[in-house]
Amino acid sequence: MLPPDVLNVFRDQLAGLSNQVVVEYFGSGESSLTVPGRTPVPCPRCPPTREMLEEIAATSDRVELRIHDVTT
């Protein structure tokens, strides 16, 4: 999703971290489970946002991405 040159900028900037950083992502994934009385709320921006955060977190061992699915 992110161009290699942008990922390189993240890699360079995050290389200077002295402490661990935790990114908490709260989003909704698609669920095949239907809950009676509950209308599923689509989140069109969730999948690309999650993908972008995963790519950024993969550029440094100092970044931990914690993913929370609010639909489960």
PDB file of N, CA and C in Angstrom:
ATOM      1  N   MET A   1       0.826  -1.181   0.000  1.00  0.00           N
ATOM      2  CA  MET A   1       0.000   0.000   0.000  1.00  0.00           C
ATOM      3  C   MET A   1       0.882   1.261   0.000  1.00  0.00           C
ATOM      4  N   LEU A   2       1.811   1.343   0.946  1.00  0.00           N
ATOM      5  CA  LEU A   2       2.697   2.508   1.003  1.00  0.00           C
ATOM      6  C   LEU A   2       3.881   2.300   0.066  1.00  0.00           C
ATOM      7  N   PRO A   3       4.283   3.346  -0.635  1.00  0.00           N
ATOM      8  CA  PRO A   3       5.431   3.230  -1.531  1.00  0.00           C
ATOM      9  C   PRO A   3       6.715   2.936  -0.740  1.00  0.00           C
ATOM     10  N   PRO A   4       7.657   2.236  -1.361  1.00  0.00           N
ATOM     11  CA  PRO A   4       8.910   1.898  -0.667  1.00  0.00           C
ATOM     12  C   PRO A   4       9.666   3.103  -0.126  1.00  0.00           C
ATOM     13  N   ASP A   5       9.638   4.222  -0.838  1.00  0.00           N
ATOM     14  CA  ASP A   5      10.366   5.398  -0.348  1.00  0.00           C
ATOM     15  C   ASP A   5       9.732   5.960   0.924  1.00  0.00           C
ATOM     16  N   VAL A   6       8.418   5.858   1.043  1.00  0.00           N
ATOM     17  CA  VAL A   6       7.740   6.314   2.267  1.00  0.00           C
ATOM     18  C   VAL A   6       8.068   5.371   3.419  1.00  0.00           C
ATOM     19  N   LEU A   7       8.075   4.070   3.150  1.00  0.00           N
ATOM     20  CA  LEU A   7       8.430   3.102   4.189  1.00  0.00           C
ATOM     21  C   LEU A   7       9.868   3.299   4.649  1.00  0.00           C
ATOM     22  N   ASN A   8      10.748   3.685   3.735  1.00  0.00           N
ATOM     23  CA  ASN A   8      12.138   3.958   4.113  1.00  0.00           C
ATOM     24  C   ASN A   8      12.240   5.154   5.047  1.00  0.00           C
ATOM     25  N   VAL A   9      11.412   6.156   4.832  1.00  0.00           N
ATOM     26  CA  VAL A   9      11.396   7.316   5.732  1.00  0.00           C
ATOM     27  C   VAL A   9      10.958   6.868   7.125  1.00  0.00           C
ATOM     28  N   PHE A  10       9.906   6.055   7.200  1.00  0.00           N
ATOM     29  CA  PHE A  10       9.479   5.532   8.500  1.00  0.00           C
ATOM     30  C   PHE A  10      10.586   4.715   9.136  1.00  0.00           C
ATOM     31  N   ARG A  11      11.218   3.851   8.365  1.00  0.00           N
ATOM     32  CA  ARG A  11      12.288   3.004   8.877  1.00  0.00           C
ATOM     33  C   ARG A  11      13.417   3.861   9.464  1.00  0.00           C
ATOM     34  N   ASP A  12      13.803   4.903   8.743  1.00  0.00           N
ATOM     35  CA  ASP A  12      14.872   5.789   9.214  1.00  0.00           C
ATOM     36  C   ASP A  12      14.468   6.536  10.478  1.00  0.00           C
ATOM     37  N   GLN A  13      13.265   7.064  10.512  1.00  0.00           N
ATOM     38  CA  GLN A  13      12.801   7.827  11.667  1.00  0.00           C
ATOM     39  C   GLN A  13      12.623   6.942  12.903  1.00  0.00           C
ATOM     40  N   LEU A  14      12.084   5.744  12.690  1.00  0.00           N
ATOM     41  CA  LEU A  14      11.838   4.850  13.819  1.00  0.00           C
ATOM     42  C   LEU A  14      13.106   4.194  14.332  1.00  0.00           C
ATOM     43  N   ALA A  15      14.164   4.201  13.541  1.00  0.00           N
ATOM     44  CA  ALA A  15      15.437   3.626  13.975  1.00  0.00           C
ATOM     45  C   ALA A  15      16.009   4.380  15.176  1.00  0.00           C
ATOM     46  N   GLY A  16      15.615   5.629  15.343  1.00  0.00           N
ATOM     47  CA  GLY A  16      16.113   6.435  16.449  1.00  0.00           C
ATOM     48  C   GLY A  16      15.364   6.243  17.754  1.00  0.00           C
ATOM     49  N   LEU A  17      14.355   5.401  17.771  1.00  0.00           N
ATOM     50  CA  LEU A  17      13.588   5.183  19.001  1.00  0.00           C
ATOM     51  C   LEU A  17      14.438   4.464  20.042  1.00  0.00           C
ATOM     52  N   SER A  18      14.385   4.934  21.266  1.00  0.00           N
ATOM     53  CA  SER A  18      15.119   4.263  22.334  1.00  0.00           C
ATOM     54  C   SER A  18      14.203   3.355  23.154  1.00  0.00           C
ATOM     55  N   ASN A  19      12.917   3.567  23.060  1.00  0.00           N
ATOM     56  CA  ASN A  19      11.953   2.758  23.807  1.00  0.00           C
ATOM     57  C   ASN A  19      10.944   2.120  22.863  1.00  0.00           C
ATOM     58  N   GLN A  20      10.279   1.104  23.377  1.00  0.00           N
ATOM     59  CA  GLN A  20       9.226   0.431  22.641  1.00  0.00           C
ATOM     60  C   GLN A  20       8.011   1.359  22.512  1.00  0.00           C
ATOM     61  N   VAL A  21       7.367   1.340  21.362  1.00  0.00           N
ATOM     62  CA  VAL A  21       6.155   2.116  21.128  1.00  0.00           C
ATOM     63  C   VAL A  21       5.032   1.132  20.818  1.00  0.00           C
ATOM     64  N   VAL A  22       3.891   1.332  21.460  1.00  0.00           N
ATOM     65  CA  VAL A  22       2.737   0.479  21.219  1.00  0.00           C
ATOM     66  C   VAL A  22       1.662   1.316  20.533  1.00  0.00           C
ATOM     67  N   VAL A  23       1.188   0.817  19.399  1.00  0.00           N
ATOM     68  CA  VAL A  23       0.103   1.463  18.665  1.00  0.00           C
ATOM     69  C   VAL A  23      -1.137   0.604  18.869  1.00  0.00           C
ATOM     70  N   GLU A  24      -2.168   1.194  19.438  1.00  0.00           N
ATOM     71  CA  GLU A  24      -3.430   0.492  19.673  1.00  0.00           C
ATOM     72  C   GLU A  24      -4.387   0.851  18.539  1.00  0.00           C
ATOM     73  N   TYR A  25      -4.767  -0.151  17.754  1.00  0.00           N
ATOM     74  CA  TYR A  25      -5.686   0.063  16.639  1.00  0.00           C
ATOM     75  C   TYR A  25      -7.030  -0.575  16.987  1.00  0.00           C
ATOM     76  N   PHE A  26      -8.075   0.209  16.929  1.00  0.00           N
ATOM     77  CA  PHE A  26      -9.433  -0.269  17.154  1.00  0.00           C
ATOM     78  C   PHE A  26     -10.190  -0.127  15.845  1.00  0.00           C
ATOM     79  N   GLY A  27     -10.671  -1.226  15.320  1.00  0.00           N
ATOM     80  CA  GLY A  27     -11.388  -1.192  14.053  1.00  0.00           C
ATOM     81  C   GLY A  27     -12.407  -2.305  14.004  1.00  0.00           C
ATOM     82  N   SER A  28     -13.100  -2.360  12.904  1.00  0.00           N
ATOM     83  CA  SER A  28     -14.080  -3.428  12.745  1.00  0.00           C
ATOM     84  C   SER A  28     -13.775  -4.185  11.465  1.00  0.00           C
ATOM     85  N   GLY A  29     -13.713  -5.479  11.614  1.00  0.00           N
ATOM     86  CA  GLY A  29     -13.506  -6.336  10.465  1.00  0.00           C
ATOM     87  C   GLY A  29     -14.843  -6.856   9.984  1.00  0.00           C
ATOM     88  N   GLU A  30     -14.795  -7.543   8.904  1.00  0.00           N
ATOM     89  CA  GLU A  30     -16.031  -8.141   8.409  1.00  0.00           C
ATOM     90  C   GLU A  30     -16.279  -9.421   9.182  1.00  0.00           C
ATOM     91  N   SER A  31     -17.490  -9.615   9.594  1.00  0.00           N
ATOM     92  CA  SER A  31     -17.844 -10.799  10.359  1.00  0.00           C
ATOM     93  C   SER A  31     -18.945 -11.561   9.637  1.00  0.00           C
ATOM     94  N   SER A  32     -18.824 -12.871   9.650  1.00  0.00           N
ATOM     95  CA  SER A  32     -19.874 -13.688   9.062  1.00  0.00           C
ATOM     96  C   SER A  32     -20.963 -13.991  10.085  1.00  0.00           C
ATOM     97  N   LEU A  33     -20.740 -13.555  11.315  1.00  0.00           N
ATOM     98  CA  LEU A  33     -21.692 -13.784  12.392  1.00  0.00           C
ATOM     99  C   LEU A  33     -22.784 -12.721  12.349  1.00  0.00           C
ATOM    100  N   THR A  34     -24.019 -13.156  12.359  1.00  0.00           N
ATOM    101  CA  THR A  34     -25.147 -12.236  12.378  1.00  0.00           C
ATOM    102  C   THR A  34     -25.746 -12.252  13.773  1.00  0.00           C
ATOM    103  N   VAL A  35     -25.824 -11.081  14.376  1.00  0.00           N
ATOM    104  CA  VAL A  35     -26.395 -10.943  15.709  1.00  0.00           C
ATOM    105  C   VAL A  35     -27.811 -10.398  15.557  1.00  0.00           C
ATOM    106  N   PRO A  36     -28.820 -11.155  16.017  1.00  0.00           N
ATOM    107  CA  PRO A  36     -30.201 -10.680  15.902  1.00  0.00           C
ATOM    108  C   PRO A  36     -30.386  -9.328  16.583  1.00  0.00           C
ATOM    109  N   GLY A  37     -31.044  -8.421  15.894  1.00  0.00           N
ATOM    110  CA  GLY A  37     -31.321  -7.103  16.448  1.00  0.00           C
ATOM    111  C   GLY A  37     -30.172  -6.124  16.310  1.00  0.00           C
ATOM    112  N   ARG A  38     -29.070  -6.562  15.742  1.00  0.00           N
ATOM    113  CA  ARG A  38     -27.916  -5.670  15.605  1.00  0.00           C
ATOM    114  C   ARG A  38     -27.604  -5.483  14.128  1.00  0.00           C
ATOM    115  N   THR A  39     -27.576  -4.232  13.718  1.00  0.00           N
ATOM    116  CA  THR A  39     -27.280  -3.916  12.331  1.00  0.00           C
ATOM    117  C   THR A  39     -25.775  -3.727  12.190  1.00  0.00           C
ATOM    118  N   PRO A  40     -25.143  -4.488  11.292  1.00  0.00           N
ATOM    119  CA  PRO A  40     -23.698  -4.315  11.124  1.00  0.00           C
ATOM    120  C   PRO A  40     -23.384  -2.926  10.570  1.00  0.00           C
ATOM    121  N   VAL A  41     -22.371  -2.314  11.122  1.00  0.00           N
ATOM    122  CA  VAL A  41     -21.949  -0.990  10.676  1.00  0.00           C
ATOM    123  C   VAL A  41     -20.682  -1.164   9.840  1.00  0.00           C
ATOM    124  N   PRO A  42     -20.766  -0.889   8.549  1.00  0.00           N
ATOM    125  CA  PRO A  42     -19.573  -1.052   7.718  1.00  0.00           C
ATOM    126  C   PRO A  42     -18.526   0.008   8.039  1.00  0.00           C
ATOM    127  N   CYS A  43     -17.304  -0.381   7.924  1.00  0.00           N
ATOM    128  CA  CYS A  43     -16.195   0.546   8.156  1.00  0.00           C
ATOM    129  C   CYS A  43     -15.302   0.515   6.923  1.00  0.00           C
ATOM    130  N   PRO A  44     -15.583   1.347   5.934  1.00  0.00           N
ATOM    131  CA  PRO A  44     -14.809   1.291   4.688  1.00  0.00           C
ATOM    132  C   PRO A  44     -13.346   1.695   4.856  1.00  0.00           C
ATOM    133  N   ARG A  45     -13.026   2.451   5.884  1.00  0.00           N
ATOM    134  CA  ARG A  45     -11.646   2.898   6.064  1.00  0.00           C
ATOM    135  C   ARG A  45     -10.826   1.967   6.955  1.00  0.00           C
ATOM    136  N   CYS A  46     -11.473   1.021   7.610  1.00  0.00           N
ATOM    137  CA  CYS A  46     -10.756   0.137   8.527  1.00  0.00           C
ATOM    138  C   CYS A  46      -9.707  -0.744   7.838  1.00  0.00           C
ATOM    139  N   PRO A  47     -10.056  -1.487   6.789  1.00  0.00           N
ATOM    140  CA  PRO A  47      -9.040  -2.352   6.174  1.00  0.00           C
ATOM    141  C   PRO A  47      -7.804  -1.609   5.652  1.00  0.00           C
ATOM    142  N   PRO A  48      -7.949  -0.490   4.930  1.00  0.00           N
ATOM    143  CA  PRO A  48      -6.730   0.186   4.476  1.00  0.00           C
ATOM    144  C   PRO A  48      -5.931   0.816   5.621  1.00  0.00           C
ATOM    145  N   THR A  49      -6.620   1.274   6.646  1.00  0.00           N
ATOM    146  CA  THR A  49      -5.912   1.850   7.794  1.00  0.00           C
ATOM    147  C   THR A  49      -5.102   0.774   8.498  1.00  0.00           C
ATOM    148  N   ARG A  50      -5.721  -0.378   8.713  1.00  0.00           N
ATOM    149  CA  ARG A  50      -5.016  -1.489   9.364  1.00  0.00           C
ATOM    150  C   ARG A  50      -3.810  -1.919   8.534  1.00  0.00           C
ATOM    151  N   GLU A  51      -3.995  -2.035   7.235  1.00  0.00           N
ATOM    152  CA  GLU A  51      -2.891  -2.439   6.357  1.00  0.00           C
ATOM    153  C   GLU A  51      -1.733  -1.448   6.432  1.00  0.00           C
ATOM    154  N   MET A  52      -2.047  -0.168   6.436  1.00  0.00           N
ATOM    155  CA  MET A  52      -1.011   0.853   6.512  1.00  0.00           C
ATOM    156  C   MET A  52      -0.252   0.763   7.840  1.00  0.00           C
ATOM    157  N   LEU A  53      -0.978   0.603   8.938  1.00  0.00           N
ATOM    158  CA  LEU A  53      -0.335   0.488  10.246  1.00  0.00           C
ATOM    159  C   LEU A  53       0.534  -0.761  10.333  1.00  0.00           C
ATOM    160  N   GLU A  54       0.079  -1.862   9.745  1.00  0.00           N
ATOM    161  CA  GLU A  54       0.881  -3.091   9.736  1.00  0.00           C
ATOM    162  C   GLU A  54       2.183  -2.889   8.968  1.00  0.00           C
ATOM    163  N   GLU A  55       2.118  -2.184   7.857  1.00  0.00           N
ATOM    164  CA  GLU A  55       3.324  -1.909   7.069  1.00  0.00           C
ATOM    165  C   GLU A  55       4.300  -1.031   7.844  1.00  0.00           C
ATOM    166  N   ILE A  56       3.781  -0.014   8.502  1.00  0.00           N
ATOM    167  CA  ILE A  56       4.645   0.884   9.273  1.00  0.00           C
ATOM    168  C   ILE A  56       5.260   0.137  10.454  1.00  0.00           C
ATOM    169  N   ALA A  57       4.462  -0.630  11.174  1.00  0.00           N
ATOM    170  CA  ALA A  57       4.978  -1.369  12.329  1.00  0.00           C
ATOM    171  C   ALA A  57       6.038  -2.381  11.907  1.00  0.00           C
ATOM    172  N   ALA A  58       5.936  -2.912  10.704  1.00  0.00           N
ATOM    173  CA  ALA A  58       6.914  -3.892  10.223  1.00  0.00           C
ATOM    174  C   ALA A  58       8.273  -3.277   9.924  1.00  0.00           C
ATOM    175  N   THR A  59       8.358  -1.956   9.908  1.00  0.00           N
ATOM    176  CA  THR A  59       9.638  -1.308   9.610  1.00  0.00           C
ATOM    177  C   THR A  59      10.554  -1.217  10.821  1.00  0.00           C
ATOM    178  N   SER A  60      10.043  -1.521  12.022  1.00  0.00           N
ATOM    179  CA  SER A  60      10.860  -1.391  13.231  1.00  0.00           C
ATOM    180  C   SER A  60      10.471  -2.425  14.278  1.00  0.00           C
ATOM    181  N   ASP A  61      11.476  -2.999  14.908  1.00  0.00           N
ATOM    182  CA  ASP A  61      11.230  -3.922  16.020  1.00  0.00           C
ATOM    183  C   ASP A  61      10.748  -3.182  17.260  1.00  0.00           C
ATOM    184  N   ARG A  62      10.917  -1.879  17.273  1.00  0.00           N
ATOM    185  CA  ARG A  62      10.516  -1.062  18.421  1.00  0.00           C
ATOM    186  C   ARG A  62       9.027  -0.695  18.409  1.00  0.00           C
ATOM    187  N   VAL A  63       8.334  -1.014  17.317  1.00  0.00           N
ATOM    188  CA  VAL A  63       6.909  -0.671  17.194  1.00  0.00           C
ATOM    189  C   VAL A  63       6.085  -1.952  17.289  1.00  0.00           C
ATOM    190  N   GLU A  64       5.172  -1.952  18.243  1.00  0.00           N
ATOM    191  CA  GLU A  64       4.253  -3.073  18.406  1.00  0.00           C
ATOM    192  C   GLU A  64       2.849  -2.595  18.058  1.00  0.00           C
ATOM    193  N   LEU A  65       2.207  -3.286  17.155  1.00  0.00           N
ATOM    194  CA  LEU A  65       0.841  -2.954  16.756  1.00  0.00           C
ATOM    195  C   LEU A  65      -0.107  -3.929  17.422  1.00  0.00           C
ATOM    196  N   ARG A  66      -1.009  -3.412  18.225  1.00  0.00           N
ATOM    197  CA  ARG A  66      -2.039  -4.227  18.861  1.00  0.00           C
ATOM    198  C   ARG A  66      -3.355  -3.941  18.167  1.00  0.00           C
ATOM    199  N   ILE A  67      -3.958  -4.995  17.645  1.00  0.00           N
ATOM    200  CA  ILE A  67      -5.189  -4.853  16.881  1.00  0.00           C
ATOM    201  C   ILE A  67      -6.369  -5.323  17.696  1.00  0.00           C
ATOM    202  N   HIS A  68      -7.375  -4.461  17.801  1.00  0.00           N
ATOM    203  CA  HIS A  68      -8.600  -4.772  18.542  1.00  0.00           C
ATOM    204  C   HIS A  68      -9.765  -4.673  17.575  1.00  0.00           C
ATOM    205  N   ASP A  69     -10.485  -5.766  17.429  1.00  0.00           N
ATOM    206  CA  ASP A  69     -11.656  -5.780  16.553  1.00  0.00           C
ATOM    207  C   ASP A  69     -12.883  -5.518  17.421  1.00  0.00           C
ATOM    208  N   VAL A  70     -13.532  -4.395  17.232  1.00  0.00           N
ATOM    209  CA  VAL A  70     -14.659  -4.002  18.075  1.00  0.00           C
ATOM    210  C   VAL A  70     -15.948  -4.737  17.729  1.00  0.00           C
ATOM    211  N   THR A  71     -15.917  -5.541  16.675  1.00  0.00           N
ATOM    212  CA  THR A  71     -17.128  -6.269  16.312  1.00  0.00           C
ATOM    213  C   THR A  71     -17.192  -7.648  16.944  1.00  0.00           C
ATOM    214  N   THR A  72     -16.119  -8.071  17.606  1.00  0.00           N
ATOM    215  CA  THR A  72     -16.125  -9.397  18.223  1.00  0.00           C
ATOM    216  C   THR A  72     -16.225  -9.287  19.717  1.00  0.00           C
TER     217      THR A  72
END
